[in-house]
């Protein structure tokens, strides 16, 4: 992919925070930092999509919403069914499951945790309800985590292209005009930057087709 070796200037802001686990070091420092900034920004953008005055764009895309019961703490869950799994979004993170095993990506950090194929409750509203989770320590675990993370990034890139097609090129820019944190990418570069990150996360397996998750994406609303 042209330009896949380069990330935007946000990656030059400094080293990743000390709080990141040592196991995260198998992701390059610029990928971890840019991913952390862009993922925070992306979740905020999804919140803007939910509050769109013309209708909830996540629902229009095909997600199903589950709200916490009245009087209980938690964040609404948005789930999208895929051919071999699902994606679930919350204000505090994303779960991507394909073929049983999946990854959980927590907001404010860019380090995927593995989730085994154990049954996951239909309604999850709090981070501790995603358990069990484990850090990828061994080489096979890290390879699996990288593959899932790359597929998730490819999917997000596809979502951002869908937003541009259906809402116009100025929609994201207008939303980000209200964003007062460091940018992971400019509005018109979000999809491309997710593609760059996906390519950088991809485990170096010869012959593997990049962006496999995009081929499984529901195209009803494309």
N, C-alpha and C. Protein backbone atom coordinates (compact mmCIF):
# COMPACT_ATOMS: atom_id res chain seq x y z
N UNK A 1 0.84 -1.18 0.00
CA UNK A 1 0.00 0.00 0.00
C UNK A 1 0.88 1.24 0.00
N UNK A 2 0.64 2.22 -0.90
CA UNK A 2 1.46 3.41 -0.94
C UNK A 2 1.39 4.17 0.37
N UNK A 3 2.53 4.56 0.88
CA UNK A 3 2.58 5.34 2.11
C UNK A 3 2.35 4.55 3.37
N UNK A 4 2.32 3.22 3.27
CA UNK A 4 2.00 2.41 4.44
C UNK A 4 3.08 2.48 5.51
N UNK A 5 4.27 2.98 5.14
CA UNK A 5 5.35 3.02 6.11
C UNK A 5 5.32 4.30 6.94
N UNK A 6 4.42 5.24 6.60
CA UNK A 6 4.43 6.53 7.26
C UNK A 6 3.15 6.76 8.05
N UNK A 7 3.30 7.40 9.23
CA UNK A 7 2.17 7.80 10.04
C UNK A 7 2.18 9.31 10.15
N UNK A 8 1.04 9.92 10.47
CA UNK A 8 0.96 11.38 10.52
C UNK A 8 1.76 11.97 11.67
N UNK A 9 1.91 13.30 11.68
CA UNK A 9 2.76 13.96 12.68
C UNK A 9 2.40 13.66 14.12
N UNK A 10 1.16 13.24 14.40
CA UNK A 10 0.79 12.92 15.78
C UNK A 10 1.71 11.87 16.38
N UNK A 11 2.27 11.02 15.53
CA UNK A 11 3.16 9.96 16.01
C UNK A 11 4.48 10.51 16.52
N UNK A 12 4.75 11.78 16.30
CA UNK A 12 6.01 12.37 16.71
C UNK A 12 5.88 13.15 18.02
N UNK A 13 4.74 13.07 18.67
CA UNK A 13 4.50 13.87 19.86
C UNK A 13 5.31 13.40 21.07
N UNK A 14 5.77 12.17 21.04
CA UNK A 14 6.54 11.67 22.17
C UNK A 14 6.35 10.18 22.35
N UNK A 15 7.05 9.58 23.33
CA UNK A 15 6.96 8.14 23.54
C UNK A 15 5.63 7.75 24.16
N UNK A 16 5.23 6.47 24.03
CA UNK A 16 4.00 6.00 24.65
C UNK A 16 4.08 6.16 26.16
N UNK A 17 2.95 6.23 26.86
CA UNK A 17 2.96 6.43 28.30
C UNK A 17 3.60 5.27 29.04
N UNK A 18 4.17 5.56 30.21
CA UNK A 18 4.85 4.54 31.00
C UNK A 18 3.90 3.42 31.43
N UNK A 19 2.59 3.75 31.52
CA UNK A 19 1.64 2.78 32.05
C UNK A 19 1.39 1.60 31.12
N UNK A 20 1.81 1.68 29.87
CA UNK A 20 1.58 0.57 28.95
C UNK A 20 2.35 -0.67 29.40
N UNK A 21 1.72 -1.84 29.29
CA UNK A 21 2.39 -3.07 29.71
C UNK A 21 3.59 -3.38 28.84
N UNK A 22 4.61 -4.03 29.39
CA UNK A 22 5.79 -4.38 28.59
C UNK A 22 5.46 -5.21 27.36
N UNK A 23 4.38 -6.02 27.47
CA UNK A 23 4.02 -6.87 26.34
C UNK A 23 3.62 -6.06 25.11
N UNK A 24 3.28 -4.76 25.30
CA UNK A 24 2.85 -3.94 24.17
C UNK A 24 4.00 -3.58 23.25
N UNK A 25 5.23 -3.89 23.65
CA UNK A 25 6.39 -3.45 22.90
C UNK A 25 6.51 -4.14 21.54
N UNK A 26 5.74 -5.20 21.28
CA UNK A 26 5.81 -5.83 19.98
C UNK A 26 5.10 -4.98 18.91
N UNK A 27 4.40 -3.92 19.33
CA UNK A 27 3.91 -2.92 18.38
C UNK A 27 4.89 -1.76 18.37
N UNK A 28 5.22 -1.26 17.19
CA UNK A 28 6.19 -0.17 17.08
C UNK A 28 5.71 1.06 17.85
N UNK A 29 6.62 1.85 18.44
CA UNK A 29 6.22 3.01 19.25
C UNK A 29 5.34 4.00 18.51
N UNK A 30 5.64 4.28 17.23
CA UNK A 30 4.81 5.25 16.52
C UNK A 30 3.42 4.70 16.25
N UNK A 31 3.32 3.39 16.04
CA UNK A 31 2.00 2.77 15.84
C UNK A 31 1.19 2.85 17.13
N UNK A 32 1.84 2.55 18.27
CA UNK A 32 1.13 2.59 19.54
C UNK A 32 0.64 4.00 19.86
N UNK A 33 1.46 5.00 19.63
CA UNK A 33 1.07 6.36 19.98
C UNK A 33 0.00 6.89 19.03
N UNK A 34 0.22 6.73 17.73
CA UNK A 34 -0.78 7.21 16.78
C UNK A 34 -2.09 6.46 16.94
N UNK A 35 -1.99 5.14 17.16
CA UNK A 35 -3.20 4.34 17.37
C UNK A 35 -3.97 4.79 18.60
N UNK A 36 -3.25 5.08 19.68
CA UNK A 36 -3.88 5.53 20.92
C UNK A 36 -4.64 6.84 20.70
N UNK A 37 -4.00 7.81 20.03
CA UNK A 37 -4.65 9.09 19.76
C UNK A 37 -5.85 8.92 18.82
N UNK A 38 -5.66 8.15 17.77
CA UNK A 38 -6.71 8.01 16.76
C UNK A 38 -7.89 7.19 17.29
N UNK A 39 -7.61 6.20 18.13
CA UNK A 39 -8.70 5.37 18.67
C UNK A 39 -9.57 6.20 19.61
N UNK A 40 -8.95 7.01 20.44
CA UNK A 40 -9.71 7.92 21.30
C UNK A 40 -10.57 8.85 20.45
N UNK A 41 -9.98 9.40 19.43
CA UNK A 41 -10.69 10.29 18.51
C UNK A 41 -11.84 9.56 17.81
N UNK A 42 -11.59 8.30 17.41
CA UNK A 42 -12.60 7.53 16.69
C UNK A 42 -13.83 7.27 17.56
N UNK A 43 -13.60 6.90 18.82
CA UNK A 43 -14.74 6.64 19.71
C UNK A 43 -15.54 7.91 19.91
N UNK A 44 -14.86 9.04 20.03
CA UNK A 44 -15.57 10.31 20.14
C UNK A 44 -16.39 10.57 18.89
N UNK A 45 -15.84 10.26 17.72
CA UNK A 45 -16.57 10.44 16.45
C UNK A 45 -17.79 9.53 16.39
N UNK A 46 -17.65 8.29 16.87
CA UNK A 46 -18.82 7.41 16.92
C UNK A 46 -19.91 8.02 17.80
N UNK A 47 -19.51 8.66 18.90
CA UNK A 47 -20.49 9.35 19.73
C UNK A 47 -21.20 10.46 18.97
N UNK A 48 -20.46 11.19 18.14
CA UNK A 48 -21.07 12.21 17.29
C UNK A 48 -22.03 11.58 16.29
N UNK A 49 -21.68 10.41 15.76
CA UNK A 49 -22.55 9.72 14.81
C UNK A 49 -23.85 9.29 15.47
N UNK A 50 -23.76 8.88 16.74
CA UNK A 50 -24.96 8.48 17.48
C UNK A 50 -25.89 9.68 17.65
N UNK A 51 -25.31 10.86 17.89
CA UNK A 51 -26.10 12.06 18.17
C UNK A 51 -26.41 12.87 16.92
N UNK A 52 -26.16 12.32 15.75
CA UNK A 52 -26.42 13.04 14.50
C UNK A 52 -27.87 13.52 14.46
N UNK A 53 -28.11 14.80 14.17
CA UNK A 53 -29.49 15.32 14.19
C UNK A 53 -30.40 14.69 13.15
N UNK A 54 -29.83 14.07 12.13
CA UNK A 54 -30.64 13.43 11.09
C UNK A 54 -30.86 11.94 11.35
N UNK A 55 -30.41 11.49 12.50
CA UNK A 55 -30.60 10.08 12.85
C UNK A 55 -29.30 9.41 13.24
N UNK A 56 -29.40 8.40 14.07
CA UNK A 56 -28.25 7.66 14.58
C UNK A 56 -27.56 6.91 13.43
N UNK A 57 -26.33 7.31 13.11
CA UNK A 57 -25.63 6.71 11.96
C UNK A 57 -25.16 5.29 12.23
N UNK A 58 -24.88 4.95 13.47
CA UNK A 58 -24.51 3.56 13.77
C UNK A 58 -25.69 2.63 13.49
N UNK A 59 -26.89 3.05 13.86
CA UNK A 59 -28.07 2.24 13.56
C UNK A 59 -28.30 2.16 12.05
N UNK A 60 -28.10 3.26 11.38
CA UNK A 60 -28.25 3.27 9.92
C UNK A 60 -27.24 2.33 9.25
N UNK A 61 -26.06 2.25 9.81
CA UNK A 61 -25.03 1.38 9.24
C UNK A 61 -25.37 -0.10 9.41
N UNK A 62 -26.15 -0.40 10.45
CA UNK A 62 -26.53 -1.79 10.67
C UNK A 62 -26.31 -2.30 12.08
N UNK A 63 -25.79 -1.46 12.96
CA UNK A 63 -25.59 -1.86 14.35
C UNK A 63 -26.93 -1.99 15.08
N UNK A 64 -26.93 -2.85 16.09
CA UNK A 64 -28.07 -3.00 16.99
C UNK A 64 -27.68 -2.38 18.34
N UNK A 65 -28.59 -1.65 18.93
CA UNK A 65 -28.29 -0.97 20.19
C UNK A 65 -28.98 -1.66 21.37
N UNK A 66 -28.22 -1.81 22.44
CA UNK A 66 -28.76 -2.29 23.71
C UNK A 66 -28.41 -1.27 24.79
N UNK A 67 -29.40 -0.77 25.48
CA UNK A 67 -29.17 0.20 26.54
C UNK A 67 -29.16 -0.50 27.90
N UNK A 68 -28.40 0.04 28.88
CA UNK A 68 -28.45 -0.54 30.23
C UNK A 68 -29.85 -0.42 30.81
N UNK A 69 -30.26 -1.38 31.62
CA UNK A 69 -31.57 -1.26 32.27
C UNK A 69 -31.66 0.02 33.10
N UNK A 70 -32.85 0.54 33.22
CA UNK A 70 -33.05 1.77 33.98
C UNK A 70 -32.55 1.62 35.42
N UNK A 71 -31.75 2.59 35.84
CA UNK A 71 -31.23 2.57 37.20
C UNK A 71 -29.92 1.84 37.36
N UNK A 72 -29.39 1.25 36.28
CA UNK A 72 -28.12 0.53 36.34
C UNK A 72 -27.03 1.32 35.63
N UNK A 73 -25.81 1.22 36.16
CA UNK A 73 -24.68 1.89 35.54
C UNK A 73 -24.29 1.18 34.24
N UNK A 74 -23.62 1.92 33.37
CA UNK A 74 -23.11 1.29 32.16
C UNK A 74 -23.26 2.19 30.95
N UNK A 75 -22.76 1.68 29.84
CA UNK A 75 -22.74 2.40 28.57
C UNK A 75 -23.49 1.57 27.53
N UNK A 76 -24.24 2.23 26.66
CA UNK A 76 -24.97 1.51 25.62
C UNK A 76 -24.03 0.67 24.77
N UNK A 77 -24.50 -0.51 24.39
CA UNK A 77 -23.74 -1.42 23.54
C UNK A 77 -24.29 -1.37 22.13
N UNK A 78 -23.37 -1.25 21.14
CA UNK A 78 -23.73 -1.33 19.73
C UNK A 78 -23.05 -2.56 19.15
N UNK A 79 -23.81 -3.45 18.56
CA UNK A 79 -23.25 -4.69 18.02
C UNK A 79 -23.59 -4.83 16.54
N UNK A 80 -22.62 -5.32 15.79
CA UNK A 80 -22.77 -5.55 14.35
C UNK A 80 -22.39 -6.99 14.05
N UNK A 81 -23.33 -7.74 13.47
CA UNK A 81 -23.08 -9.14 13.12
C UNK A 81 -22.28 -9.22 11.83
N UNK A 82 -21.25 -10.10 11.83
CA UNK A 82 -20.44 -10.38 10.65
C UNK A 82 -20.59 -11.86 10.32
N UNK A 83 -20.10 -12.26 9.18
CA UNK A 83 -20.25 -13.65 8.75
C UNK A 83 -19.60 -14.62 9.74
N UNK A 84 -18.43 -14.26 10.27
CA UNK A 84 -17.72 -15.17 11.18
C UNK A 84 -17.57 -14.60 12.58
N UNK A 85 -18.38 -13.62 12.93
CA UNK A 85 -18.24 -13.06 14.27
C UNK A 85 -19.04 -11.79 14.44
N UNK A 86 -18.47 -10.86 15.17
CA UNK A 86 -19.20 -9.63 15.47
C UNK A 86 -18.23 -8.54 15.90
N UNK A 87 -18.73 -7.31 15.88
CA UNK A 87 -18.06 -6.16 16.46
C UNK A 87 -19.01 -5.54 17.46
N UNK A 88 -18.49 -5.21 18.64
CA UNK A 88 -19.29 -4.50 19.64
C UNK A 88 -18.56 -3.21 20.02
N UNK A 89 -19.31 -2.14 20.08
CA UNK A 89 -18.77 -0.83 20.42
C UNK A 89 -19.40 -0.31 21.71
N UNK A 90 -18.56 0.32 22.51
CA UNK A 90 -19.01 1.06 23.69
C UNK A 90 -18.22 2.37 23.75
N UNK A 91 -18.59 3.24 24.66
CA UNK A 91 -17.82 4.46 24.84
C UNK A 91 -16.47 4.23 25.48
N UNK A 92 -16.23 3.02 25.98
CA UNK A 92 -14.97 2.69 26.65
C UNK A 92 -14.14 1.65 25.90
N UNK A 93 -14.57 1.21 24.72
CA UNK A 93 -13.75 0.25 23.99
C UNK A 93 -14.49 -0.46 22.87
N UNK A 94 -13.78 -1.39 22.24
CA UNK A 94 -14.31 -2.16 21.11
C UNK A 94 -13.90 -3.62 21.26
N UNK A 95 -14.83 -4.50 20.99
CA UNK A 95 -14.55 -5.93 20.95
C UNK A 95 -14.76 -6.41 19.51
N UNK A 96 -13.77 -7.11 18.98
CA UNK A 96 -13.85 -7.68 17.63
C UNK A 96 -13.64 -9.17 17.73
N UNK A 97 -14.66 -9.95 17.37
CA UNK A 97 -14.57 -11.41 17.43
C UNK A 97 -14.77 -12.00 16.05
N UNK A 98 -13.81 -12.84 15.64
CA UNK A 98 -13.90 -13.54 14.36
C UNK A 98 -13.56 -15.00 14.59
N UNK A 99 -14.45 -15.87 14.18
CA UNK A 99 -14.18 -17.29 14.33
C UNK A 99 -14.03 -17.72 15.79
N UNK A 100 -14.70 -17.05 16.69
CA UNK A 100 -14.64 -17.42 18.10
C UNK A 100 -13.72 -16.53 18.91
N UNK A 101 -12.42 -16.60 18.64
CA UNK A 101 -11.47 -15.81 19.40
C UNK A 101 -11.50 -14.36 18.94
N UNK A 102 -11.26 -13.45 19.87
CA UNK A 102 -11.32 -12.04 19.50
C UNK A 102 -10.33 -11.21 20.28
N UNK A 103 -10.40 -9.90 20.06
CA UNK A 103 -9.58 -8.96 20.81
C UNK A 103 -10.47 -7.88 21.39
N UNK A 104 -10.02 -7.35 22.51
CA UNK A 104 -10.67 -6.21 23.13
C UNK A 104 -9.67 -5.07 23.15
N UNK A 105 -10.11 -3.90 22.67
CA UNK A 105 -9.26 -2.72 22.62
C UNK A 105 -9.89 -1.66 23.53
N UNK A 106 -9.18 -1.35 24.58
CA UNK A 106 -9.67 -0.39 25.58
C UNK A 106 -9.36 1.04 25.14
N UNK A 107 -10.29 1.92 25.37
CA UNK A 107 -10.07 3.33 25.04
C UNK A 107 -8.89 3.89 25.85
N UNK A 108 -8.19 4.85 25.28
CA UNK A 108 -7.04 5.54 25.86
C UNK A 108 -5.77 4.70 25.86
N UNK A 109 -5.80 3.51 25.25
CA UNK A 109 -4.58 2.74 25.06
C UNK A 109 -4.74 1.94 23.76
N UNK A 110 -3.64 1.63 23.14
CA UNK A 110 -3.70 0.91 21.88
C UNK A 110 -2.93 -0.39 22.04
N UNK A 111 -3.50 -1.26 22.84
CA UNK A 111 -2.89 -2.55 23.12
C UNK A 111 -4.00 -3.60 23.19
N UNK A 112 -4.09 -4.50 22.19
CA UNK A 112 -5.19 -5.46 22.18
C UNK A 112 -5.00 -6.57 23.20
N UNK A 113 -6.05 -6.90 23.89
CA UNK A 113 -6.07 -8.07 24.76
C UNK A 113 -6.88 -9.17 24.08
N UNK A 114 -6.43 -10.39 24.24
CA UNK A 114 -7.11 -11.52 23.61
C UNK A 114 -8.29 -11.97 24.47
N UNK A 115 -9.36 -12.36 23.80
CA UNK A 115 -10.49 -12.96 24.50
C UNK A 115 -10.73 -14.35 23.93
N UNK A 116 -10.73 -15.39 24.77
CA UNK A 116 -10.95 -16.75 24.27
C UNK A 116 -12.37 -16.91 23.73
N UNK A 117 -12.63 -18.05 23.06
CA UNK A 117 -13.96 -18.25 22.46
C UNK A 117 -15.07 -18.48 23.47
N UNK A 118 -14.81 -18.27 24.75
CA UNK A 118 -15.83 -18.47 25.78
C UNK A 118 -17.05 -17.60 25.49
N UNK A 119 -18.20 -18.11 25.87
CA UNK A 119 -19.46 -17.41 25.62
C UNK A 119 -19.45 -16.01 26.24
N UNK A 120 -19.94 -15.05 25.50
CA UNK A 120 -20.04 -13.67 25.97
C UNK A 120 -21.52 -13.33 26.10
N UNK A 121 -21.87 -12.74 27.23
CA UNK A 121 -23.27 -12.40 27.44
C UNK A 121 -23.77 -11.46 26.35
N UNK A 122 -25.07 -11.55 26.06
CA UNK A 122 -25.64 -10.76 24.98
C UNK A 122 -25.60 -9.27 25.26
N UNK A 123 -25.72 -8.89 26.52
CA UNK A 123 -25.74 -7.48 26.89
C UNK A 123 -24.58 -7.18 27.82
N UNK A 124 -23.64 -6.37 27.35
CA UNK A 124 -22.47 -5.96 28.12
C UNK A 124 -22.49 -4.44 28.21
N UNK A 125 -22.43 -3.94 29.43
CA UNK A 125 -22.51 -2.49 29.62
C UNK A 125 -21.33 -1.91 30.40
N UNK A 126 -20.52 -2.78 31.01
CA UNK A 126 -19.37 -2.34 31.80
C UNK A 126 -18.12 -3.08 31.34
N UNK A 127 -16.94 -2.46 31.44
CA UNK A 127 -15.71 -3.10 30.96
C UNK A 127 -15.42 -4.45 31.60
N UNK A 128 -15.72 -4.61 32.89
CA UNK A 128 -15.39 -5.88 33.55
C UNK A 128 -16.27 -7.04 33.07
N UNK A 129 -17.33 -6.74 32.31
CA UNK A 129 -18.20 -7.79 31.80
C UNK A 129 -17.67 -8.41 30.52
N UNK A 130 -16.56 -7.87 29.97
CA UNK A 130 -15.96 -8.44 28.76
C UNK A 130 -15.07 -9.63 29.11
N UNK A 131 -14.67 -9.76 30.36
CA UNK A 131 -13.78 -10.84 30.81
C UNK A 131 -14.33 -12.21 30.40
N UNK A 132 -13.40 -13.21 30.25
CA UNK A 132 -11.97 -13.19 30.55
C UNK A 132 -11.13 -12.59 29.40
N UNK A 133 -10.08 -11.88 29.80
CA UNK A 133 -9.14 -11.30 28.85
C UNK A 133 -7.72 -11.67 29.27
N UNK A 134 -6.82 -11.73 28.29
CA UNK A 134 -5.42 -12.00 28.61
C UNK A 134 -4.52 -11.22 27.67
N UNK A 135 -3.36 -10.81 28.17
CA UNK A 135 -2.38 -10.13 27.34
C UNK A 135 -1.69 -11.15 26.43
N UNK A 136 -1.46 -10.81 25.16
CA UNK A 136 -0.73 -11.72 24.27
C UNK A 136 0.75 -11.72 24.62
N UNK A 137 1.24 -12.82 25.16
CA UNK A 137 2.62 -12.90 25.64
C UNK A 137 3.49 -13.73 24.69
N UNK A 138 3.01 -14.92 24.33
CA UNK A 138 3.79 -15.79 23.47
C UNK A 138 3.76 -15.28 22.04
N UNK A 139 4.69 -15.77 21.22
CA UNK A 139 4.74 -15.35 19.82
C UNK A 139 3.46 -15.68 19.07
N UNK A 140 2.88 -16.91 19.21
CA UNK A 140 1.61 -17.19 18.53
C UNK A 140 0.48 -16.27 18.99
N UNK A 141 0.45 -15.94 20.29
CA UNK A 141 -0.59 -15.04 20.79
C UNK A 141 -0.42 -13.64 20.21
N UNK A 142 0.82 -13.18 20.14
CA UNK A 142 1.07 -11.86 19.59
C UNK A 142 0.73 -11.81 18.10
N UNK A 143 1.03 -12.88 17.39
CA UNK A 143 0.69 -12.95 15.97
C UNK A 143 -0.82 -12.91 15.78
N UNK A 144 -1.54 -13.65 16.61
CA UNK A 144 -3.00 -13.65 16.53
C UNK A 144 -3.57 -12.28 16.86
N UNK A 145 -3.01 -11.63 17.88
CA UNK A 145 -3.49 -10.31 18.28
C UNK A 145 -3.24 -9.28 17.18
N UNK A 146 -2.07 -9.36 16.55
CA UNK A 146 -1.75 -8.44 15.46
C UNK A 146 -2.71 -8.63 14.29
N UNK A 147 -3.01 -9.87 13.96
CA UNK A 147 -3.91 -10.14 12.84
C UNK A 147 -5.29 -9.58 13.11
N UNK A 148 -5.81 -9.83 14.32
CA UNK A 148 -7.14 -9.33 14.66
C UNK A 148 -7.15 -7.80 14.71
N UNK A 149 -6.08 -7.21 15.26
CA UNK A 149 -6.01 -5.76 15.35
C UNK A 149 -5.97 -5.14 13.95
N UNK A 150 -5.20 -5.74 13.05
CA UNK A 150 -5.15 -5.24 11.67
C UNK A 150 -6.52 -5.31 11.01
N UNK A 151 -7.23 -6.41 11.22
CA UNK A 151 -8.56 -6.56 10.63
C UNK A 151 -9.53 -5.53 11.19
N UNK A 152 -9.44 -5.27 12.49
CA UNK A 152 -10.30 -4.24 13.08
C UNK A 152 -10.00 -2.87 12.49
N UNK A 153 -8.72 -2.55 12.32
CA UNK A 153 -8.35 -1.26 11.74
C UNK A 153 -8.83 -1.13 10.30
N UNK A 154 -8.75 -2.22 9.54
CA UNK A 154 -9.27 -2.20 8.17
C UNK A 154 -10.77 -1.94 8.19
N UNK A 155 -11.47 -2.56 9.13
CA UNK A 155 -12.92 -2.35 9.21
C UNK A 155 -13.24 -0.89 9.53
N UNK A 156 -12.53 -0.31 10.50
CA UNK A 156 -12.78 1.10 10.86
C UNK A 156 -12.52 2.00 9.65
N UNK A 157 -11.46 1.71 8.89
CA UNK A 157 -11.19 2.49 7.67
C UNK A 157 -12.38 2.42 6.72
N UNK A 158 -12.96 1.23 6.56
CA UNK A 158 -14.13 1.07 5.70
C UNK A 158 -15.33 1.85 6.22
N UNK A 159 -15.48 1.86 7.53
CA UNK A 159 -16.58 2.62 8.13
C UNK A 159 -16.41 4.11 7.83
N UNK A 160 -15.19 4.62 7.97
CA UNK A 160 -14.95 6.04 7.72
C UNK A 160 -15.18 6.40 6.24
N UNK A 161 -14.88 5.48 5.34
CA UNK A 161 -15.18 5.74 3.93
C UNK A 161 -16.69 5.77 3.71
N UNK A 162 -17.41 4.90 4.41
CA UNK A 162 -18.88 4.91 4.33
C UNK A 162 -19.44 6.24 4.83
N UNK A 163 -18.88 6.75 5.92
CA UNK A 163 -19.30 8.05 6.45
C UNK A 163 -19.07 9.15 5.40
N UNK A 164 -17.92 9.15 4.77
CA UNK A 164 -17.61 10.18 3.77
C UNK A 164 -18.58 10.10 2.59
N UNK A 165 -18.90 8.87 2.14
CA UNK A 165 -19.81 8.70 1.01
C UNK A 165 -21.22 9.16 1.34
N UNK A 166 -21.66 8.86 2.55
CA UNK A 166 -23.06 9.08 2.90
C UNK A 166 -23.34 10.41 3.59
N UNK A 167 -22.31 11.02 4.16
CA UNK A 167 -22.52 12.26 4.91
C UNK A 167 -21.77 13.45 4.33
N UNK A 168 -20.92 13.20 3.36
CA UNK A 168 -20.17 14.29 2.75
C UNK A 168 -18.82 14.50 3.40
N UNK A 169 -17.94 15.14 2.67
CA UNK A 169 -16.56 15.29 3.13
C UNK A 169 -16.42 16.24 4.31
N UNK A 170 -17.39 17.12 4.52
CA UNK A 170 -17.27 18.10 5.61
C UNK A 170 -17.84 17.59 6.93
N UNK A 171 -18.53 16.45 6.89
CA UNK A 171 -19.20 15.98 8.11
C UNK A 171 -18.20 15.72 9.24
N UNK A 172 -17.14 14.94 8.96
CA UNK A 172 -16.16 14.64 9.99
C UNK A 172 -15.40 15.90 10.43
N UNK A 173 -15.10 16.77 9.49
CA UNK A 173 -14.38 17.99 9.83
C UNK A 173 -15.18 18.84 10.81
N UNK A 174 -16.49 18.94 10.56
CA UNK A 174 -17.34 19.71 11.46
C UNK A 174 -17.34 19.11 12.86
N UNK A 175 -17.37 17.79 12.93
CA UNK A 175 -17.33 17.13 14.24
C UNK A 175 -16.00 17.38 14.94
N UNK A 176 -14.90 17.26 14.20
CA UNK A 176 -13.58 17.41 14.81
C UNK A 176 -13.24 18.86 15.14
N UNK A 177 -14.00 19.80 14.62
CA UNK A 177 -13.80 21.19 15.01
C UNK A 177 -14.08 21.38 16.51
N UNK A 178 -14.84 20.44 17.09
CA UNK A 178 -15.18 20.50 18.52
C UNK A 178 -14.27 19.61 19.37
N UNK A 179 -13.31 18.96 18.73
CA UNK A 179 -12.39 18.04 19.42
C UNK A 179 -11.19 18.85 19.93
N UNK A 180 -10.97 18.82 21.22
CA UNK A 180 -9.94 19.67 21.82
C UNK A 180 -8.75 18.87 22.37
N UNK A 181 -8.54 17.70 21.84
CA UNK A 181 -7.38 16.89 22.19
C UNK A 181 -6.46 16.79 20.97
N UNK A 182 -5.22 16.29 21.16
CA UNK A 182 -4.35 16.09 19.99
C UNK A 182 -5.00 15.18 18.96
N UNK A 183 -4.86 15.52 17.70
CA UNK A 183 -5.46 14.73 16.63
C UNK A 183 -4.61 13.51 16.32
N UNK A 184 -5.27 12.38 16.12
CA UNK A 184 -4.59 11.22 15.58
C UNK A 184 -4.47 11.31 14.07
N UNK A 185 -5.42 12.03 13.45
CA UNK A 185 -5.42 12.27 12.01
C UNK A 185 -6.42 13.37 11.72
N UNK A 186 -6.18 14.13 10.66
CA UNK A 186 -7.17 15.09 10.21
C UNK A 186 -8.39 14.35 9.68
N UNK A 187 -9.51 15.05 9.65
CA UNK A 187 -10.77 14.40 9.28
C UNK A 187 -10.68 13.69 7.93
N UNK A 188 -10.11 14.34 6.93
CA UNK A 188 -10.06 13.76 5.59
C UNK A 188 -9.01 12.65 5.47
N UNK A 189 -8.22 12.45 6.52
CA UNK A 189 -7.17 11.42 6.49
C UNK A 189 -7.46 10.25 7.43
N UNK A 190 -8.62 10.25 8.08
CA UNK A 190 -8.87 9.21 9.08
C UNK A 190 -8.89 7.81 8.47
N UNK A 191 -9.61 7.62 7.37
CA UNK A 191 -9.67 6.30 6.75
C UNK A 191 -8.29 5.84 6.30
N UNK A 192 -7.54 6.72 5.66
CA UNK A 192 -6.21 6.36 5.18
C UNK A 192 -5.28 6.03 6.34
N UNK A 193 -5.38 6.80 7.44
CA UNK A 193 -4.51 6.54 8.58
C UNK A 193 -4.83 5.20 9.22
N UNK A 194 -6.11 4.84 9.29
CA UNK A 194 -6.45 3.51 9.80
C UNK A 194 -5.88 2.41 8.90
N UNK A 195 -5.86 2.65 7.60
CA UNK A 195 -5.27 1.69 6.68
C UNK A 195 -3.77 1.56 6.92
N UNK A 196 -3.12 2.69 7.16
CA UNK A 196 -1.68 2.66 7.44
C UNK A 196 -1.41 1.86 8.71
N UNK A 197 -2.17 2.13 9.75
CA UNK A 197 -1.99 1.41 11.00
C UNK A 197 -2.25 -0.08 10.81
N UNK A 198 -3.30 -0.40 10.03
CA UNK A 198 -3.61 -1.81 9.77
C UNK A 198 -2.43 -2.51 9.09
N UNK A 199 -1.85 -1.84 8.08
CA UNK A 199 -0.71 -2.42 7.37
C UNK A 199 0.49 -2.61 8.29
N UNK A 200 0.69 -1.67 9.22
CA UNK A 200 1.82 -1.77 10.15
C UNK A 200 1.59 -2.84 11.21
N UNK A 201 0.32 -3.12 11.54
CA UNK A 201 0.01 -4.15 12.55
C UNK A 201 0.02 -5.55 11.95
N UNK A 202 -0.17 -5.64 10.66
CA UNK A 202 -0.31 -6.93 9.99
C UNK A 202 0.91 -7.83 10.26
N UNK A 203 0.68 -9.04 10.76
CA UNK A 203 1.82 -9.95 10.92
C UNK A 203 2.40 -10.32 9.57
N UNK A 204 3.71 -10.45 9.48
CA UNK A 204 4.37 -10.68 8.18
C UNK A 204 4.21 -12.12 7.70
N UNK A 205 2.98 -12.46 7.28
CA UNK A 205 2.71 -13.80 6.76
C UNK A 205 2.57 -13.73 5.25
N UNK A 206 3.45 -14.38 4.47
CA UNK A 206 3.37 -14.32 3.01
C UNK A 206 2.04 -14.83 2.50
N UNK A 207 1.48 -14.10 1.55
CA UNK A 207 0.27 -14.55 0.88
C UNK A 207 -1.01 -14.23 1.59
N UNK A 208 -0.95 -13.62 2.77
CA UNK A 208 -2.18 -13.32 3.49
C UNK A 208 -2.83 -12.10 2.89
N UNK A 209 -4.10 -12.17 2.62
CA UNK A 209 -4.82 -11.06 2.01
C UNK A 209 -5.16 -10.03 3.06
N UNK A 210 -4.69 -8.81 2.87
CA UNK A 210 -4.94 -7.74 3.83
C UNK A 210 -6.40 -7.34 3.81
N UNK A 211 -6.88 -6.94 4.99
CA UNK A 211 -8.22 -6.41 5.08
C UNK A 211 -9.30 -7.45 4.89
N UNK A 212 -9.08 -8.67 5.39
CA UNK A 212 -10.08 -9.72 5.20
C UNK A 212 -11.42 -9.34 5.82
N UNK A 213 -11.38 -8.56 6.90
CA UNK A 213 -12.62 -8.21 7.56
C UNK A 213 -13.52 -7.38 6.66
N UNK A 214 -12.92 -6.58 5.77
CA UNK A 214 -13.73 -5.74 4.89
C UNK A 214 -14.61 -6.58 3.98
N UNK A 215 -14.13 -7.75 3.58
CA UNK A 215 -14.90 -8.60 2.69
C UNK A 215 -16.10 -9.20 3.39
N UNK A 216 -16.07 -9.21 4.75
CA UNK A 216 -17.18 -9.77 5.50
C UNK A 216 -18.11 -8.69 6.01
N UNK A 217 -17.78 -7.46 5.74
CA UNK A 217 -18.56 -6.33 6.23
C UNK A 217 -19.93 -6.35 5.60
N UNK A 218 -20.94 -6.04 6.37
CA UNK A 218 -22.29 -5.95 5.82
C UNK A 218 -22.36 -4.76 4.86
N UNK A 219 -22.83 -5.01 3.64
CA UNK A 219 -22.82 -3.99 2.61
C UNK A 219 -24.22 -3.43 2.34
N UNK A 220 -25.16 -3.76 3.19
CA UNK A 220 -26.53 -3.32 2.97
C UNK A 220 -26.64 -1.81 2.83
N UNK A 221 -25.79 -1.10 3.60
CA UNK A 221 -25.90 0.35 3.65
C UNK A 221 -24.78 1.03 2.86
N UNK A 222 -24.06 0.29 1.99
CA UNK A 222 -22.89 0.84 1.33
C UNK A 222 -23.23 1.86 0.24
